[in-house]
Amino acid sequence: MKQDHTSRLENSLQLDTTPPHPPTILVVEDNIALNQLLSDLLTTEGYRVVRAHHGVEALEALRVHSPDLVLSDVVMPHMDGYTLLSKIRDDPRFLHLPVILLTGYGSAEDHRRALEWGVEGYLSKPLDDRNVLETVRHALRRRMMTENAIRRRVDNVRNQILGLIQHEFRTPLTLIMGYAEFIQDSLVDEANHHELRQSVNAILEGSRRLHHLVESFLLLAHLSRETLPEDEIFPLDPTALWRECLANLRESLNSTSLQVRIVEPQDPVIVYGVMELLREALTRLLDNAIRYRRPESRWVELSTSVKPGYVGWTIRDEGIGIPLELLAQITDPFVRSQPTSSAGRGAGLSLTLVRRIAELHGGHLQVESRPGEGSTFTLWVADRDV
């Protein structure tokens, strides 16, 4: 019985990866006889076939039928195969739609051009039936693997967001509502001013956390689809930018015993970038150093680093450090430096934002850390002069 149950489970898992219907293939070929031959060949193999005789018809068929694969001639009237491919790739709905090109011109240049345009396969005429079917099966198999991978990533992000909402959004909301109800009741009971002040402070803290989370999400979404606008890139003084970040966080620093020292570079350094984004990244790095300090922490050091091809901002601290098992993934979304449910911890987005800002500037984020001793972060950007 146990074996039967296992077999049924394995069969059900296998069925999950099977398409709910036969794959639909769009055949685009102006030669009527070849179009019919290809359609018959694919239909015999169990595929659903939609036919078009040039690119204009193919675009309409794409809209109506949403095929799983396109098999297209290159030389056609009205719209050739490369123009059709370009229009397919311009449509976000068909970004991962596999396209196999057919042509009577099989030169190396044709193959190179086809690959540059992102085709899945390239078949030279005259066509061999077995080669056509093998190429089609391979393309459909790759499409299914890609879709499954995307689905798994979407599910993973969804689960992370659900977990984040559960712990990071619900906690401050519960605090806000609880203390607001306390104040409401206190207005009737005439509670003392000290308790009211504590309640208001708790509401403000919860509100600030929610605001910070929302702003982080919005900025991360913005950075995930944008490149740096050239008209916002200017020469910057790295040390001056550190000073601005320090001024922005002066109130937070005043509530600690940390001393922040800025190390001036020996020679003048100029870096090119978007000031608002770099300032945001550096402020988050400094804010992390403040948040993740130890009771014994006494200083934070800010400096400018230079290496061939790159200029960087370096921040060293005596904080709690990052465990080795988290160091490699610390810049991934929703990963915290410490596996804790402490209300003071963030959602694990700051370092993701810093890394993304570095990447937009042609650089990267370098992290070195020892638990219980401190961390060193360097935000590298590409040297525009190089």
Protein backbone atom coordinates (compact mmCIF):
# COMPACT_ATOMS: atom_id res chain seq x y z
CA MET A 1 0.00 0.00 0.00
CA LYS A 2 2.84 2.34 0.83
CA GLN A 3 4.41 1.72 -2.57
CA ASP A 4 1.08 2.39 -4.31
CA HIS A 5 0.70 5.68 -2.43
CA THR A 6 4.26 6.69 -3.38
CA SER A 7 3.63 5.81 -7.02
CA ARG A 8 0.45 7.85 -7.09
CA LEU A 9 2.32 10.80 -5.55
CA GLU A 10 5.12 10.54 -8.10
CA ASN A 11 2.62 10.33 -10.94
CA SER A 12 0.78 13.40 -9.66
CA LEU A 13 4.06 15.32 -9.47
CA GLN A 14 4.90 14.30 -13.03
CA LEU A 15 1.49 15.41 -14.23
CA ASP A 16 2.13 18.87 -12.76
CA THR A 17 4.93 19.43 -15.30
CA THR A 18 2.85 18.29 -18.27
CA PRO A 19 1.23 21.05 -20.36
CA PRO A 20 -2.59 21.05 -19.92
CA HIS A 21 -3.00 21.07 -23.70
CA PRO A 22 -0.87 20.24 -26.74
CA PRO A 23 1.65 23.01 -27.47
CA THR A 24 0.57 25.49 -30.11
CA ILE A 25 3.07 26.20 -32.88
CA LEU A 26 2.77 29.16 -35.23
CA VAL A 27 4.16 28.32 -38.68
CA VAL A 28 5.04 31.42 -40.72
CA GLU A 29 6.05 30.52 -44.27
CA ASP A 30 5.13 32.23 -47.56
CA ASN A 31 5.71 29.07 -49.60
CA ILE A 32 2.24 27.50 -49.51
CA ALA A 33 3.47 23.95 -50.17
CA LEU A 34 6.18 24.10 -47.49
CA ASN A 35 3.76 25.73 -45.07
CA GLN A 36 1.37 22.82 -45.57
CA LEU A 37 4.12 20.21 -45.22
CA LEU A 38 5.37 21.67 -41.96
CA SER A 39 1.84 21.92 -40.61
CA ASP A 40 1.11 18.30 -41.48
CA LEU A 41 4.38 17.12 -39.93
CA LEU A 42 3.76 18.95 -36.67
CA THR A 43 0.07 17.98 -36.51
CA THR A 44 1.01 14.32 -36.92
CA GLU A 45 3.28 14.68 -33.86
CA GLY A 46 0.35 15.92 -31.79
CA TYR A 47 1.00 19.67 -31.90
CA ARG A 48 -1.69 22.25 -32.53
CA VAL A 49 -0.69 24.32 -35.56
CA VAL A 50 -1.63 27.87 -36.53
CA ARG A 51 -0.57 28.99 -40.02
CA ALA A 52 0.48 32.40 -41.38
CA HIS A 53 2.08 33.36 -44.71
CA HIS A 54 4.00 36.50 -43.70
CA GLY A 55 4.88 38.61 -40.68
CA VAL A 56 1.77 40.77 -40.68
CA GLU A 57 -0.49 37.70 -40.50
CA ALA A 58 1.82 36.24 -37.85
CA LEU A 59 1.42 39.25 -35.54
CA GLU A 60 -2.35 38.89 -35.67
CA ALA A 61 -2.05 35.15 -35.00
CA LEU A 62 0.18 35.89 -32.01
CA ARG A 63 -2.46 38.16 -30.54
CA VAL A 64 -5.30 35.69 -31.05
CA HIS A 65 -3.67 32.32 -30.33
CA SER A 66 -0.70 33.04 -27.99
CA PRO A 67 1.43 30.17 -29.37
CA ASP A 68 4.10 28.29 -27.43
CA LEU A 69 6.61 28.45 -30.30
CA VAL A 70 7.08 30.27 -33.63
CA LEU A 71 8.57 28.57 -36.68
CA SER A 72 9.24 31.34 -39.19
CA ASP A 73 10.79 31.79 -42.60
CA VAL A 74 13.28 34.65 -42.95
CA VAL A 75 12.57 35.93 -46.48
CA MET A 76 8.86 36.77 -46.81
CA PRO A 77 6.72 39.51 -48.40
CA HIS A 78 5.27 42.38 -46.34
CA MET A 79 7.46 41.63 -43.30
CA ASP A 80 10.57 39.44 -43.12
CA GLY A 81 11.47 37.10 -40.31
CA TYR A 82 13.92 39.44 -38.59
CA THR A 83 11.38 42.27 -38.45
CA LEU A 84 8.82 39.83 -37.07
CA LEU A 85 11.32 38.67 -34.46
CA SER A 86 12.04 42.27 -33.48
CA LYS A 87 8.34 42.98 -32.94
CA ILE A 88 7.92 39.78 -30.94
CA ARG A 89 10.78 40.73 -28.61
CA ASP A 90 9.37 44.26 -28.19
CA ASP A 91 6.20 42.79 -26.67
CA PRO A 92 6.67 41.90 -22.97
CA ARG A 93 4.09 39.10 -23.31
CA PHE A 94 6.36 37.25 -25.74
CA LEU A 95 9.72 38.01 -24.17
CA HIS A 96 10.45 34.30 -23.60
CA LEU A 97 8.58 32.95 -26.64
CA PRO A 98 10.98 30.65 -28.55
CA VAL A 99 11.44 31.46 -32.24
CA ILE A 100 13.02 29.10 -34.79
CA LEU A 101 14.06 30.65 -38.09
CA LEU A 102 14.01 28.89 -41.48
CA THR A 103 16.17 30.08 -44.35
CA GLY A 104 17.76 28.93 -47.55
CA TYR A 105 20.84 30.97 -46.71
CA GLY A 106 22.95 29.07 -44.22
CA SER A 107 26.06 31.23 -43.98
CA ALA A 108 27.94 31.82 -40.75
CA GLU A 109 26.86 35.46 -40.88
CA ASP A 110 23.20 34.39 -41.00
CA HIS A 111 23.71 32.19 -37.96
CA ARG A 112 25.47 35.00 -36.08
CA ARG A 113 22.73 37.47 -36.87
CA ALA A 114 20.04 35.01 -35.83
CA LEU A 115 21.72 34.41 -32.48
CA GLU A 116 22.10 38.14 -31.87
CA TRP A 117 18.35 38.52 -32.31
CA GLY A 118 17.74 35.87 -29.67
CA VAL A 119 16.37 32.97 -31.69
CA GLU A 120 15.95 29.55 -30.13
CA GLY A 121 16.97 27.61 -33.22
CA TYR A 122 18.11 28.04 -36.81
CA LEU A 123 17.20 25.58 -39.60
CA SER A 124 18.59 25.68 -43.12
CA LYS A 125 16.55 24.65 -46.16
CA PRO A 126 15.98 22.06 -47.50
CA LEU A 127 14.51 20.90 -44.23
CA ASP A 128 14.99 17.46 -42.71
CA ASP A 129 11.88 16.19 -40.90
CA ARG A 130 13.75 14.60 -38.01
CA ASN A 131 15.89 17.71 -37.54
CA VAL A 132 12.80 19.93 -37.52
CA LEU A 133 11.03 17.79 -34.91
CA GLU A 134 14.11 17.51 -32.71
CA THR A 135 14.67 21.28 -32.81
CA VAL A 136 11.01 21.91 -31.99
CA ARG A 137 11.03 19.47 -29.06
CA HIS A 138 14.24 20.98 -27.72
CA ALA A 139 12.84 24.53 -27.94
CA LEU A 140 9.58 23.57 -26.22
CA ARG A 141 11.46 21.71 -23.50
CA ARG A 142 13.64 24.76 -22.85
CA ARG A 143 10.55 26.97 -22.76
CA MET A 144 8.94 24.74 -20.14
CA MET A 145 12.13 24.73 -18.06
CA THR A 146 12.31 28.53 -18.27
CA GLU A 147 8.67 28.93 -17.26
CA ASN A 148 9.09 26.53 -14.34
CA ALA A 149 12.18 28.41 -13.18
CA ILE A 150 10.34 31.74 -13.40
CA ARG A 151 7.38 30.25 -11.56
CA ARG A 152 9.61 28.99 -8.78
CA ARG A 153 11.28 32.39 -8.44
CA VAL A 154 7.90 34.14 -8.35
CA ASP A 155 6.65 31.70 -5.71
CA ASN A 156 9.80 32.26 -3.68
CA VAL A 157 9.46 36.05 -3.81
CA ARG A 158 5.75 35.77 -3.01
CA ASN A 159 6.48 33.64 0.05
CA GLN A 160 9.18 36.07 1.17
CA ILE A 161 6.79 39.00 0.80
CA LEU A 162 4.08 37.15 2.71
CA GLY A 163 6.56 36.41 5.49
CA LEU A 164 7.69 40.01 5.48
CA ILE A 165 4.12 41.31 5.73
CA GLN A 166 3.42 38.82 8.49
CA HIS A 167 6.31 39.94 10.69
CA GLU A 168 7.46 43.40 9.57
CA PHE A 169 4.19 45.11 8.64
CA ARG A 170 1.86 43.44 11.13
CA THR A 171 4.05 44.15 14.17
CA PRO A 172 4.18 47.96 13.84
CA LEU A 173 0.52 48.04 12.80
CA THR A 174 -0.42 46.09 15.92
CA LEU A 175 1.60 48.52 18.03
CA ILE A 176 0.00 51.54 16.38
CA MET A 177 -3.52 50.23 16.86
CA GLY A 178 -2.86 49.05 20.41
CA TYR A 179 -1.38 52.32 21.61
CA ALA A 180 -3.98 54.34 19.76
CA GLU A 181 -6.71 52.41 21.61
CA PHE A 182 -4.85 53.02 24.88
CA ILE A 183 -4.79 56.77 24.22
CA GLN A 184 -8.47 56.67 23.32
CA ASP A 185 -9.30 54.99 26.61
CA SER A 186 -6.91 57.27 28.49
CA LEU A 187 -8.74 60.36 27.32
CA VAL A 188 -11.71 59.06 29.27
CA ASP A 189 -9.77 57.73 32.27
CA GLU A 190 -7.43 60.75 32.43
CA ALA A 191 -4.22 58.65 32.52
CA ASN A 192 -1.03 60.41 33.46
CA HIS A 193 1.03 62.29 30.88
CA HIS A 194 3.99 59.88 31.10
CA GLU A 195 1.92 56.94 29.85
CA LEU A 196 0.40 59.04 27.09
CA ARG A 197 3.85 60.18 25.98
CA GLN A 198 5.05 56.56 25.85
CA SER A 199 2.05 55.59 23.76
CA VAL A 200 2.55 58.43 21.30
CA ASN A 201 6.26 57.58 20.97
CA ALA A 202 5.39 53.96 20.21
CA ILE A 203 2.90 55.02 17.54
CA LEU A 204 5.44 57.32 15.94
CA GLU A 205 8.11 54.60 15.94
CA GLY A 206 5.77 52.10 14.31
CA SER A 207 4.72 54.66 11.73
CA ARG A 208 8.33 55.48 10.89
CA ARG A 209 9.15 51.79 10.40
CA LEU A 210 6.19 51.33 8.05
CA HIS A 211 7.12 54.46 6.13
CA HIS A 212 10.73 53.27 5.79
CA LEU A 213 9.58 49.86 4.52
CA VAL A 214 7.23 51.36 1.95
CA GLU A 215 9.88 53.77 0.69
CA SER A 216 12.40 50.92 0.42
CA PHE A 217 10.00 48.79 -1.60
CA LEU A 218 9.21 51.65 -3.96
CA LEU A 219 12.89 52.51 -4.48
CA LEU A 220 13.81 48.87 -5.08
CA ALA A 221 11.04 48.53 -7.66
CA HIS A 222 12.22 51.72 -9.36
CA LEU A 223 15.86 50.63 -9.48
CA SER A 224 15.01 47.18 -10.84
CA ARG A 225 13.82 48.61 -14.17
CA GLU A 226 15.83 51.78 -14.63
CA THR A 227 19.27 52.64 -15.97
CA LEU A 228 21.13 55.73 -14.91
CA PRO A 229 19.93 58.85 -16.75
CA GLU A 230 22.97 60.49 -18.35
CA ASP A 231 21.74 64.00 -17.58
CA GLU A 232 21.81 63.24 -13.82
CA ILE A 233 25.39 61.98 -13.71
CA PHE A 234 27.80 64.59 -12.33
CA PRO A 235 31.31 64.69 -10.83
CA LEU A 236 31.14 64.30 -7.05
CA ASP A 237 33.45 64.66 -4.08
CA PRO A 238 33.25 61.34 -2.16
CA THR A 239 34.28 62.86 1.18
CA ALA A 240 31.69 65.63 0.86
CA LEU A 241 29.03 63.00 0.27
CA TRP A 242 30.08 61.19 3.46
CA ARG A 243 29.70 64.47 5.35
CA GLU A 244 26.16 64.93 4.01
CA CYS A 245 25.20 61.43 5.17
CA LEU A 246 26.69 62.11 8.58
CA ALA A 247 24.65 65.32 8.86
CA ASN A 248 21.47 63.45 7.90
CA LEU A 249 21.98 60.92 10.70
CA ARG A 250 23.32 63.29 13.36
CA GLU A 251 20.21 62.92 15.51
CA SER A 252 20.50 59.11 15.55
CA LEU A 253 24.21 59.31 16.33
CA ASN A 254 23.65 61.71 19.21
CA SER A 255 21.61 59.03 20.98
CA THR A 256 24.62 56.66 20.93
CA SER A 257 28.19 56.69 22.22
CA LEU A 258 29.60 56.17 18.71
CA GLN A 259 32.27 58.49 17.38
CA VAL A 260 32.38 58.85 13.58
CA ARG A 261 35.70 59.77 12.01
CA ILE A 262 36.15 60.67 8.34
CA VAL A 263 39.51 59.80 6.78
CA GLU A 264 40.45 62.26 4.04
CA PRO A 265 42.15 60.78 0.93
CA GLN A 266 45.77 61.81 0.41
CA ASP A 267 45.04 63.04 -3.13
CA PRO A 268 41.86 64.67 -4.46
CA VAL A 269 39.32 62.12 -5.71
CA ILE A 270 36.44 62.75 -8.07
CA VAL A 271 33.77 60.17 -8.86
CA TYR A 272 30.91 60.36 -11.38
CA GLY A 273 27.40 59.31 -10.44
CA VAL A 274 23.85 60.24 -9.50
CA MET A 275 24.20 62.12 -6.22
CA GLU A 276 20.72 61.32 -4.85
CA LEU A 277 21.15 57.57 -5.34
CA LEU A 278 24.69 57.42 -3.96
CA ARG A 279 23.73 59.53 -0.97
CA GLU A 280 20.80 57.19 -0.31
CA ALA A 281 23.09 54.15 -0.46
CA LEU A 282 25.73 55.65 1.82
CA THR A 283 23.14 56.87 4.31
CA ARG A 284 21.77 53.33 4.55
CA LEU A 285 25.25 51.92 5.13
CA LEU A 286 25.89 54.41 7.92
CA ASP A 287 22.42 53.81 9.37
CA ASN A 288 23.15 50.06 9.48
CA ALA A 289 26.39 50.72 11.34
CA ILE A 290 24.40 52.66 13.93
CA ARG A 291 21.59 50.11 14.22
CA TYR A 292 23.79 47.02 14.40
CA ARG A 293 26.29 48.33 16.93
CA ARG A 294 27.33 46.44 20.07
CA PRO A 295 27.30 47.93 23.58
CA GLU A 296 31.11 47.96 23.32
CA SER A 297 31.12 49.74 19.93
CA ARG A 298 32.94 53.07 20.10
CA TRP A 299 33.69 54.22 16.54
CA VAL A 300 32.71 54.14 12.86
CA GLU A 301 35.25 55.07 10.19
CA LEU A 302 34.31 56.57 6.81
CA SER A 303 36.86 56.80 4.01
CA THR A 304 37.39 56.83 0.25
CA SER A 305 39.01 53.84 -1.48
CA VAL A 306 40.65 53.73 -4.89
CA LYS A 307 41.70 50.76 -7.02
CA PRO A 308 42.34 50.37 -10.77
CA GLY A 309 39.13 51.24 -12.60
CA TYR A 310 37.07 51.93 -9.49
CA VAL A 311 36.45 54.47 -6.75
CA GLY A 312 34.71 53.42 -3.57
CA TRP A 313 33.25 54.56 -0.27
CA THR A 314 34.37 52.40 2.66
CA ILE A 315 32.71 52.21 6.08
CA ARG A 316 34.24 50.24 8.96
CA ASP A 317 32.49 49.59 12.26
CA GLU A 318 32.75 47.64 15.51
CA GLY A 319 29.25 46.24 15.20
CA ILE A 320 27.75 42.82 15.80
CA GLY A 321 29.11 41.52 12.48
CA ILE A 322 27.56 39.07 10.03
CA PRO A 323 27.60 35.28 10.45
CA LEU A 324 29.62 33.46 7.81
CA GLU A 325 26.59 31.47 6.64
CA LEU A 326 24.75 34.72 5.78
CA LEU A 327 27.65 36.67 4.33
CA ALA A 328 27.23 35.37 0.76
CA GLN A 329 23.52 36.22 0.63
CA ILE A 330 23.39 39.32 2.79
CA THR A 331 22.58 41.59 -0.17
CA ASP A 332 19.62 39.43 -1.28
CA PRO A 333 16.15 40.87 -0.62
CA PHE A 334 14.60 40.10 2.78
CA VAL A 335 17.85 38.64 4.24
CA ARG A 336 18.84 40.15 7.56
CA SER A 337 22.30 40.24 9.06
CA GLN A 338 21.00 38.48 12.16
CA PRO A 339 18.30 35.76 12.33
CA THR A 340 16.27 37.53 14.96
CA SER A 341 12.72 38.74 15.43
CA SER A 342 13.79 41.84 17.30
CA ALA A 343 11.51 44.77 16.60
CA GLY A 344 14.49 46.97 15.89
CA ARG A 345 15.66 44.98 12.89
CA GLY A 346 14.89 45.94 9.33
CA ALA A 347 13.38 43.96 6.49
CA GLY A 348 16.66 43.14 4.80
CA LEU A 349 16.19 45.59 1.93
CA SER A 350 18.84 48.23 2.63
CA LEU A 351 21.84 46.24 1.43
CA THR A 352 19.87 45.04 -1.61
CA LEU A 353 19.28 48.68 -2.52
CA VAL A 354 22.93 49.56 -1.93
CA ARG A 355 24.09 46.70 -4.15
CA ARG A 356 21.67 47.70 -6.91
CA ILE A 357 22.82 51.33 -6.81
CA ALA A 358 26.43 50.15 -7.07
CA GLU A 359 25.55 47.94 -10.07
CA LEU A 360 23.83 50.85 -11.83
CA HIS A 361 27.10 52.76 -11.47
CA GLY A 362 29.08 49.89 -13.00
CA GLY A 363 30.36 48.70 -9.64
CA HIS A 364 29.56 46.32 -6.81
CA LEU A 365 29.21 46.08 -3.04
CA GLN A 366 32.07 44.41 -1.16
CA VAL A 367 31.40 43.05 2.33
CA GLU A 368 33.87 41.76 4.93
CA SER A 369 32.76 40.87 8.44
CA ARG A 370 33.59 38.99 11.63
CA PRO A 371 30.78 38.24 14.10
CA GLY A 372 31.33 40.08 17.35
CA GLU A 373 34.08 42.27 15.90
CA GLY A 374 32.61 44.40 13.14
CA SER A 375 32.12 44.80 9.39
CA THR A 376 33.62 46.65 6.46
CA PHE A 377 31.46 47.67 3.51
CA THR A 378 32.81 49.24 0.32
CA LEU A 379 30.50 50.62 -2.34
CA TRP A 380 32.55 50.52 -5.55
CA VAL A 381 31.60 52.51 -8.67
CA ALA A 382 33.34 52.42 -12.03
CA ASP A 383 35.88 55.17 -12.65
CA ARG A 384 34.38 57.14 -15.51
CA ASP A 385 37.81 58.32 -16.65
CA VAL A 386 38.83 54.71 -17.26
